[in-house]
Each structure stands twice: as structure tokens, then as C-alpha cells.
Amino acid sequence: MTNLDLLTAERQSTYGPWAKNMSGTSKQFAGLLENFVSCNPRSDLPAWWAPLCCVALKLNRIASGRFKQDNFDDLRVYLGMVEAMQREGAGPCAGTTPTPLT
């Protein structure tokens, strides 16, 4: 068994089937994206979007009901990144100054 196989097996024993979890996380991303686009039409995704997606991933893992401290620790770090970046460039709707696509 490879290291990747071992890691996958460990994650699945904690959070359940990976495909189902990725489906749930993708739905969260889609909802977040829909909200951003509706507030910021024709804008590029801001840098804080990456840690926001990590927040969604960690929330999906927490929703499994299986406690792992690192999910909560990571969630706080990623959410702090989003907060700091939005404070620096807060805009009127979604916490960003929209950058129009050219």
C-alpha cells in the first residue's frame, strides 16, 4: 500500500467516502461563487477566495460529526486570512473592491 493509499484510507475512515465529501464541498463552493458573482458581476475572484474555499472544506469535514482538532485550528487560520484580506480591500457588497474584467 502506498502513502497515498494510506492517507486516503485514513481520511475515509474519519470523514467517509471521499467522492461524497468532495461533492458536498463542491456544492458549498458553488453557493459561495453564486453569491460573489451576484454581488460583483464581471469581477475576478479576489485573493481571499482561496482561503474562503479552505473554510468551506473544513466546514464540510466538521459536518461529518467526527471531531478532529486540526479542522477547527485550520478553520480559524483560514477564516482569519479571509478577514484580514477583506479588511484591507473591503468593498460595498462582498468585502472586496471589484476588479472589472477587460
Foldseek 3Di string as FASTA:
>chain_A
DDPVVVVLVVLCVQQNHPVVLVVQLVVVLVVVVVQVCVQAPQFDDDPLSVLVSVLSSLVSSVVSVGDDVVSVVSNVVSVVSSVVVLVVAQDDGPSHDGDHDD
